[in-house]
Amino acid sequence: MHTLFRELLGHNRGKYFLLTGETLDARQCLDLGLVSEVVPRTSSSSEPGKSPKRSSWRATASNAASPDRFSSSPGQGSRLRHLERQAGRLVTRIHHANIRVSDPRASLNFYCAVGLDVVGCMRMPGLCTVYLGAPHGDAVLEFSVNETGDPGWSTAPGTGHLALAVDDLDATIKKLAAQGIEPEGPAYHPGGRQEARVAFYRDPDGNRVEIVNGEFPPPKDVLPDGLV
């Protein structure tokens, strides 16, 4: 895993464990540093002459969004005490995924038909960003209507960028720079909006990664007439 994502995501082995759903026994969890302690329970159900079964552990569905919490599979014979959030982890959450669209109104109609809701809009000179999210959830998808004529802005439909939220953008930039990872340019306020401050990076494959300072909830500007 590239240094950028190892630094941003923290314990990459723990992330791999959660994303794949791979089952590890208690000793493997200890060896990988995923847990601090395994406390065996006494059990009288073991058959004489047979070794007790190994305890296996996986992140449950309810805990999958919180990578530092683990629980045992039903019926297993050990109890796991999870580690606290690793000190120095930078990313707090995935903020949004951006896509480029050729027909904003058609795209908005499609995603609303699928079941997403418009949860925000940020209007800037020549540019409008629409945020969509699942009901009762965070904004997870954004697309922009760009009429600035900026030749550096790709209008080809496809993936735009992935945005990650951090508590302290300046500290994140400094920490990444120490690893030889530099942003595309200085951090800035998109469209002069003071509530938003971001910096862009490129991953090893050239994908753009936006680092967002703080929580930055989607603004509630009025949608352009052409999108209503």
Foldseek 3Di string as FASTA:
>chain_A
DDPLCCQQVPLVVLLVQLVVQDKDFPVVCVVSVFADDKAFDDDPPDDPPDDDDTWIWGADPVCSVPSQDTAGDPPGTIGTDTDDPDPNHWFPFFQAWEWADQDLQVVVVVVVVVAWDFDAWDDAVQKIKTFIDHVPDATYYIYMRGRPPPPVDDRDTDTAATETEGADPVVSQVVVVVVVFHFPDDWDAVNPPPLWIWTWGADPVRGIYIYTHDNSGHHHDDDDPVND
